[in-house]
Every structure is written in structure tokens, then in C-alpha cells.
Amino acid sequence: MAEGTIKRLTDKGFGFIDVGAEKDLFFHSSSVEGASFDDLREGQQVTFNEVSGQKGPCAENVQVAR
């Protein structure tokens, strides 16, 4: 699993993860596991799987890093 930092969360149920690359990775609230989307905070470290979505790379299986 890859690691990154939550850069931005929206009130529409999605967010972006800073992975140190040019573009941040999109993730949807349905991709969060082991916590609810509302429990996530900007600046938190997370682990995830990078997959190819309809609009490009995105994160799935997003979990708070331990």
C-alpha cells in the first residue's frame, strides 16, 4: 500500500491525498475503510491503493496510517 497525507476534504464526500507528486490523488468517501469519512482530518497520514478510475488515477481502500 502507498502512503500519503490528506491535503483537502470537501463537504461533498470526497478529498485529495498529497503523494508528493505533481497531482494529488482523488478519493471518494466510499473508498474509506476502518473509519468514517467524517472522522478524517486534513494533514492525517493515510495508506491506500492507487487505481485507475474513469477520470485518471485515484485512491481506494483509504485507511488512517497506524
PDB file of N, CA and C in Angstrom:
ATOM      1  N   MET A   1       0.834  -1.188   0.000  1.00  0.00           N
ATOM      2  CA  MET A   1       0.000   0.000   0.000  1.00  0.00           C
ATOM      3  C   MET A   1       0.877   1.250   0.000  1.00  0.00           C
ATOM      4  N   ALA A   2       0.379   2.266  -0.669  1.00  0.00           N
ATOM      5  CA  ALA A   2       1.096   3.539  -0.726  1.00  0.00           C
ATOM      6  C   ALA A   2       0.698   4.397   0.473  1.00  0.00           C
ATOM      7  N   GLU A   3       1.501   5.427   0.738  1.00  0.00           N
ATOM      8  CA  GLU A   3       1.208   6.341   1.841  1.00  0.00           C
ATOM      9  C   GLU A   3       1.158   7.769   1.335  1.00  0.00           C
ATOM     10  N   GLY A   4       0.360   8.584   2.016  1.00  0.00           N
ATOM     11  CA  GLY A   4       0.252   9.984   1.671  1.00  0.00           C
ATOM     12  C   GLY A   4      -0.399  10.755   2.800  1.00  0.00           C
ATOM     13  N   THR A   5      -0.632  12.035   2.569  1.00  0.00           N
ATOM     14  CA  THR A   5      -1.228  12.921   3.571  1.00  0.00           C
ATOM     15  C   THR A   5      -2.498  13.540   2.989  1.00  0.00           C
ATOM     16  N   ILE A   6      -3.562  13.543   3.777  1.00  0.00           N
ATOM     17  CA  ILE A   6      -4.793  14.165   3.305  1.00  0.00           C
ATOM     18  C   ILE A   6      -4.541  15.655   3.148  1.00  0.00           C
ATOM     19  N   LYS A   7      -4.730  16.143   1.942  1.00  0.00           N
ATOM     20  CA  LYS A   7      -4.462  17.547   1.650  1.00  0.00           C
ATOM     21  C   LYS A   7      -5.729  18.390   1.770  1.00  0.00           C
ATOM     22  N   ARG A   8      -6.853  17.841   1.263  1.00  0.00           N
ATOM     23  CA  ARG A   8      -8.090  18.615   1.283  1.00  0.00           C
ATOM     24  C   ARG A   8      -9.279  17.677   1.360  1.00  0.00           C
ATOM     25  N   LEU A   9     -10.264  18.061   2.172  1.00  0.00           N
ATOM     26  CA  LEU A   9     -11.527  17.343   2.278  1.00  0.00           C
ATOM     27  C   LEU A   9     -12.651  18.301   1.905  1.00  0.00           C
ATOM     28  N   THR A  10     -13.679  17.785   1.262  1.00  0.00           N
ATOM     29  CA  THR A  10     -14.815  18.627   0.879  1.00  0.00           C
ATOM     30  C   THR A  10     -16.056  18.190   1.641  1.00  0.00           C
ATOM     31  N   ASP A  11     -17.053  19.043   1.657  1.00  0.00           N
ATOM     32  CA  ASP A  11     -18.322  18.672   2.284  1.00  0.00           C
ATOM     33  C   ASP A  11     -19.213  17.899   1.314  1.00  0.00           C
ATOM     34  N   LYS A  12     -18.676  17.567   0.150  1.00  0.00           N
ATOM     35  CA  LYS A  12     -19.429  16.803  -0.854  1.00  0.00           C
ATOM     36  C   LYS A  12     -19.055  15.325  -0.845  1.00  0.00           C
ATOM     37  N   GLY A  13     -18.213  14.905   0.117  1.00  0.00           N
ATOM     38  CA  GLY A  13     -17.908  13.487   0.252  1.00  0.00           C
ATOM     39  C   GLY A  13     -16.713  12.986  -0.525  1.00  0.00           C
ATOM     40  N   PHE A  14     -15.775  13.870  -0.812  1.00  0.00           N
ATOM     41  CA  PHE A  14     -14.539  13.419  -1.438  1.00  0.00           C
ATOM     42  C   PHE A  14     -13.381  14.276  -0.953  1.00  0.00           C
ATOM     43  N   GLY A  15     -12.175  13.827  -1.268  1.00  0.00           N
ATOM     44  CA  GLY A  15     -10.996  14.567  -0.851  1.00  0.00           C
ATOM     45  C   GLY A  15      -9.824  14.267  -1.757  1.00  0.00           C
ATOM     46  N   PHE A  16      -8.672  14.813  -1.366  1.00  0.00           N
ATOM     47  CA  PHE A  16      -7.452  14.652  -2.148  1.00  0.00           C
ATOM     48  C   PHE A  16      -6.299  14.311  -1.229  1.00  0.00           C
ATOM     49  N   ILE A  17      -5.433  13.418  -1.698  1.00  0.00           N
ATOM     50  CA  ILE A  17      -4.273  12.964  -0.941  1.00  0.00           C
ATOM     51  C   ILE A  17      -3.011  13.469  -1.623  1.00  0.00           C
ATOM     52  N   ASP A  18      -2.141  14.112  -0.835  1.00  0.00           N
ATOM     53  CA  ASP A  18      -0.837  14.564  -1.321  1.00  0.00           C
ATOM     54  C   ASP A  18       0.105  13.373  -1.272  1.00  0.00           C
ATOM     55  N   VAL A  19       0.602  12.979  -2.435  1.00  0.00           N
ATOM     56  CA  VAL A  19       1.507  11.832  -2.517  1.00  0.00           C
ATOM     57  C   VAL A  19       2.917  12.259  -2.919  1.00  0.00           C
ATOM     58  N   GLY A  20       3.173  13.565  -2.911  1.00  0.00           N
ATOM     59  CA  GLY A  20       4.491  14.069  -3.264  1.00  0.00           C
ATOM     60  C   GLY A  20       4.716  14.168  -4.761  1.00  0.00           C
ATOM     61  N   ALA A  21       3.683  13.961  -5.537  1.00  0.00           N
ATOM     62  CA  ALA A  21       3.791  14.059  -6.995  1.00  0.00           C
ATOM     63  C   ALA A  21       3.163  15.373  -7.451  1.00  0.00           C
ATOM     64  N   GLU A  22       3.206  15.594  -8.751  1.00  0.00           N
ATOM     65  CA  GLU A  22       2.666  16.837  -9.313  1.00  0.00           C
ATOM     66  C   GLU A  22       1.169  16.977  -9.036  1.00  0.00           C
ATOM     67  N   LYS A  23       0.432  15.873  -9.176  1.00  0.00           N
ATOM     68  CA  LYS A  23      -1.015  15.904  -8.953  1.00  0.00           C
ATOM     69  C   LYS A  23      -1.371  15.127  -7.686  1.00  0.00           C
ATOM     70  N   ASP A  24      -2.367  15.638  -6.962  1.00  0.00           N
ATOM     71  CA  ASP A  24      -2.874  14.936  -5.791  1.00  0.00           C
ATOM     72  C   ASP A  24      -3.843  13.851  -6.252  1.00  0.00           C
ATOM     73  N   LEU A  25      -4.006  12.816  -5.412  1.00  0.00           N
ATOM     74  CA  LEU A  25      -4.907  11.717  -5.750  1.00  0.00           C
ATOM     75  C   LEU A  25      -6.295  11.966  -5.188  1.00  0.00           C
ATOM     76  N   PHE A  26      -7.293  11.815  -6.021  1.00  0.00           N
ATOM     77  CA  PHE A  26      -8.693  11.943  -5.623  1.00  0.00           C
ATOM     78  C   PHE A  26      -9.117  10.690  -4.864  1.00  0.00           C
ATOM     79  N   PHE A  27      -9.984  10.838  -3.856  1.00  0.00           N
ATOM     80  CA  PHE A  27     -10.653   9.684  -3.256  1.00  0.00           C
ATOM     81  C   PHE A  27     -12.070  10.064  -2.858  1.00  0.00           C
ATOM     82  N   HIS A  28     -12.958   9.083  -2.928  1.00  0.00           N
ATOM     83  CA  HIS A  28     -14.367   9.274  -2.576  1.00  0.00           C
ATOM     84  C   HIS A  28     -14.617   8.686  -1.188  1.00  0.00           C
ATOM     85  N   SER A  29     -15.618   9.206  -0.500  1.00  0.00           N
ATOM     86  CA  SER A  29     -15.918   8.730   0.861  1.00  0.00           C
ATOM     87  C   SER A  29     -16.195   7.229   0.890  1.00  0.00           C
ATOM     88  N   SER A  30     -16.710   6.670  -0.198  1.00  0.00           N
ATOM     89  CA  SER A  30     -16.981   5.228  -0.231  1.00  0.00           C
ATOM     90  C   SER A  30     -15.698   4.398  -0.284  1.00  0.00           C
ATOM     91  N   SER A  31     -14.546   5.042  -0.510  1.00  0.00           N
ATOM     92  CA  SER A  31     -13.258   4.344  -0.568  1.00  0.00           C
ATOM     93  C   SER A  31     -12.551   4.293   0.783  1.00  0.00           C
ATOM     94  N   VAL A  32     -13.157   4.906   1.811  1.00  0.00           N
ATOM     95  CA  VAL A  32     -12.551   4.936   3.146  1.00  0.00           C
ATOM     96  C   VAL A  32     -12.912   3.661   3.890  1.00  0.00           C
ATOM     97  N   GLU A  33     -11.905   3.022   4.519  1.00  0.00           N
ATOM     98  CA  GLU A  33     -12.131   1.793   5.270  1.00  0.00           C
ATOM     99  C   GLU A  33     -11.580   1.935   6.684  1.00  0.00           C
ATOM    100  N   GLY A  34     -12.276   1.355   7.651  1.00  0.00           N
ATOM    101  CA  GLY A  34     -11.813   1.354   9.036  1.00  0.00           C
ATOM    102  C   GLY A  34     -12.103   2.644   9.784  1.00  0.00           C
ATOM    103  N   ALA A  35     -12.740   3.592   9.142  1.00  0.00           N
ATOM    104  CA  ALA A  35     -13.116   4.872   9.761  1.00  0.00           C
ATOM    105  C   ALA A  35     -14.208   5.477   8.888  1.00  0.00           C
ATOM    106  N   SER A  36     -14.896   6.466   9.411  1.00  0.00           N
ATOM    107  CA  SER A  36     -15.878   7.147   8.564  1.00  0.00           C
ATOM    108  C   SER A  36     -15.209   8.360   7.922  1.00  0.00           C
ATOM    109  N   PHE A  37     -15.741   8.780   6.800  1.00  0.00           N
ATOM    110  CA  PHE A  37     -15.195   9.943   6.098  1.00  0.00           C
ATOM    111  C   PHE A  37     -15.173  11.160   7.029  1.00  0.00           C
ATOM    112  N   ASP A  38     -16.205  11.298   7.864  1.00  0.00           N
ATOM    113  CA  ASP A  38     -16.309  12.452   8.772  1.00  0.00           C
ATOM    114  C   ASP A  38     -15.226  12.461   9.852  1.00  0.00           C
ATOM    115  N   ASP A  39     -14.591  11.301  10.105  1.00  0.00           N
ATOM    116  CA  ASP A  39     -13.517  11.223  11.106  1.00  0.00           C
ATOM    117  C   ASP A  39     -12.165  11.653  10.553  1.00  0.00           C
ATOM    118  N   LEU A  40     -12.053  11.763   9.235  1.00  0.00           N
ATOM    119  CA  LEU A  40     -10.782  12.142   8.617  1.00  0.00           C
ATOM    120  C   LEU A  40     -10.522  13.630   8.798  1.00  0.00           C
ATOM    121  N   ARG A  41      -9.238  13.997   8.877  1.00  0.00           N
ATOM    122  CA  ARG A  41      -8.826  15.388   9.036  1.00  0.00           C
ATOM    123  C   ARG A  41      -7.693  15.698   8.061  1.00  0.00           C
ATOM    124  N   GLU A  42      -7.670  16.923   7.585  1.00  0.00           N
ATOM    125  CA  GLU A  42      -6.572  17.351   6.717  1.00  0.00           C
ATOM    126  C   GLU A  42      -5.269  17.252   7.502  1.00  0.00           C
ATOM    127  N   GLY A  43      -4.217  16.785   6.852  1.00  0.00           N
ATOM    128  CA  GLY A  43      -2.927  16.604   7.491  1.00  0.00           C
ATOM    129  C   GLY A  43      -2.707  15.202   8.034  1.00  0.00           C
ATOM    130  N   GLN A  44      -3.744  14.371   8.060  1.00  0.00           N
ATOM    131  CA  GLN A  44      -3.603  12.993   8.542  1.00  0.00           C
ATOM    132  C   GLN A  44      -2.848  12.141   7.538  1.00  0.00           C
ATOM    133  N   GLN A  45      -2.028  11.230   8.060  1.00  0.00           N
ATOM    134  CA  GLN A  45      -1.334  10.266   7.217  1.00  0.00           C
ATOM    135  C   GLN A  45      -2.292   9.120   6.923  1.00  0.00           C
ATOM    136  N   VAL A  46      -2.335   8.688   5.673  1.00  0.00           N
ATOM    137  CA  VAL A  46      -3.191   7.576   5.270  1.00  0.00           C
ATOM    138  C   VAL A  46      -2.424   6.610   4.378  1.00  0.00           C
ATOM    139  N   THR A  47      -2.918   5.379   4.328  1.00  0.00           N
ATOM    140  CA  THR A  47      -2.422   4.395   3.371  1.00  0.00           C
ATOM    141  C   THR A  47      -3.565   4.120   2.396  1.00  0.00           C
ATOM    142  N   PHE A  48      -3.227   3.660   1.195  1.00  0.00           N
ATOM    143  CA  PHE A  48      -4.237   3.467   0.155  1.00  0.00           C
ATOM    144  C   PHE A  48      -3.666   2.645  -0.981  1.00  0.00           C
ATOM    145  N   ASN A  49      -4.548   2.205  -1.854  1.00  0.00           N
ATOM    146  CA  ASN A  49      -4.154   1.562  -3.106  1.00  0.00           C
ATOM    147  C   ASN A  49      -4.459   2.532  -4.236  1.00  0.00           C
ATOM    148  N   GLU A  50      -3.492   2.763  -5.090  1.00  0.00           N
ATOM    149  CA  GLU A  50      -3.716   3.649  -6.240  1.00  0.00           C
ATOM    150  C   GLU A  50      -4.273   2.824  -7.390  1.00  0.00           C
ATOM    151  N   VAL A  51      -5.401   3.275  -7.929  1.00  0.00           N
ATOM    152  CA  VAL A  51      -6.047   2.582  -9.037  1.00  0.00           C
ATOM    153  C   VAL A  51      -6.341   3.583 -10.147  1.00  0.00           C
ATOM    154  N   SER A  52      -6.695   3.062 -11.304  1.00  0.00           N
ATOM    155  CA  SER A  52      -7.042   3.913 -12.423  1.00  0.00           C
ATOM    156  C   SER A  52      -8.560   4.033 -12.494  1.00  0.00           C
ATOM    157  N   GLY A  53      -9.067   5.242 -12.275  1.00  0.00           N
ATOM    158  CA  GLY A  53     -10.503   5.493 -12.317  1.00  0.00           C
ATOM    159  C   GLY A  53     -10.918   6.057 -13.663  1.00  0.00           C
ATOM    160  N   GLN A  54     -12.196   6.419 -13.772  1.00  0.00           N
ATOM    161  CA  GLN A  54     -12.717   6.948 -15.033  1.00  0.00           C
ATOM    162  C   GLN A  54     -12.033   8.248 -15.440  1.00  0.00           C
ATOM    163  N   LYS A  55     -11.623   9.055 -14.452  1.00  0.00           N
ATOM    164  CA  LYS A  55     -11.008  10.351 -14.758  1.00  0.00           C
ATOM    165  C   LYS A  55      -9.524  10.385 -14.436  1.00  0.00           C
ATOM    166  N   GLY A  56      -8.915   9.210 -14.320  1.00  0.00           N
ATOM    167  CA  GLY A  56      -7.489   9.147 -14.046  1.00  0.00           C
ATOM    168  C   GLY A  56      -7.202   8.444 -12.730  1.00  0.00           C
ATOM    169  N   PRO A  57      -5.970   8.546 -12.245  1.00  0.00           N
ATOM    170  CA  PRO A  57      -5.585   7.852 -11.013  1.00  0.00           C
ATOM    171  C   PRO A  57      -6.408   8.332  -9.816  1.00  0.00           C
ATOM    172  N   CYS A  58      -6.751   7.392  -8.931  1.00  0.00           N
ATOM    173  CA  CYS A  58      -7.456   7.730  -7.701  1.00  0.00           C
ATOM    174  C   CYS A  58      -7.073   6.720  -6.623  1.00  0.00           C
ATOM    175  N   ALA A  59      -7.498   6.995  -5.397  1.00  0.00           N
ATOM    176  CA  ALA A  59      -7.151   6.142  -4.261  1.00  0.00           C
ATOM    177  C   ALA A  59      -8.361   5.331  -3.825  1.00  0.00           C
ATOM    178  N   GLU A  60      -8.126   4.051  -3.501  1.00  0.00           N
ATOM    179  CA  GLU A  60      -9.140   3.178  -2.935  1.00  0.00           C
ATOM    180  C   GLU A  60      -8.571   2.553  -1.673  1.00  0.00           C
ATOM    181  N   ASN A  61      -9.433   1.960  -0.867  1.00  0.00           N
ATOM    182  CA  ASN A  61      -9.021   1.325   0.398  1.00  0.00           C
ATOM    183  C   ASN A  61      -8.231   2.308   1.268  1.00  0.00           C
ATOM    184  N   VAL A  62      -8.739   3.537   1.379  1.00  0.00           N
ATOM    185  CA  VAL A  62      -8.065   4.578   2.155  1.00  0.00           C
ATOM    186  C   VAL A  62      -8.237   4.283   3.646  1.00  0.00           C
ATOM    187  N   GLN A  63      -7.120   4.201   4.361  1.00  0.00           N
ATOM    188  CA  GLN A  63      -7.139   3.907   5.799  1.00  0.00           C
ATOM    189  C   GLN A  63      -6.185   4.858   6.519  1.00  0.00           C
ATOM    190  N   VAL A  64      -6.556   5.238   7.738  1.00  0.00           N
ATOM    191  CA  VAL A  64      -5.673   6.063   8.549  1.00  0.00           C
ATOM    192  C   VAL A  64      -4.428   5.250   8.852  1.00  0.00           C
ATOM    193  N   ALA A  65      -3.246   5.840   8.638  1.00  0.00           N
ATOM    194  CA  ALA A  65      -1.981   5.146   8.882  1.00  0.00           C
ATOM    195  C   ALA A  65      -1.794   4.919  10.382  1.00  0.00           C
ATOM    196  N   ARG A  66      -1.234   3.776  10.728  1.00  0.00           N
ATOM    197  CA  ARG A  66      -1.012   3.466  12.153  1.00  0.00           C
ATOM    198  C   ARG A  66       0.418   3.645  12.532  1.00  0.00           C
TER     199      ARG A  66
END
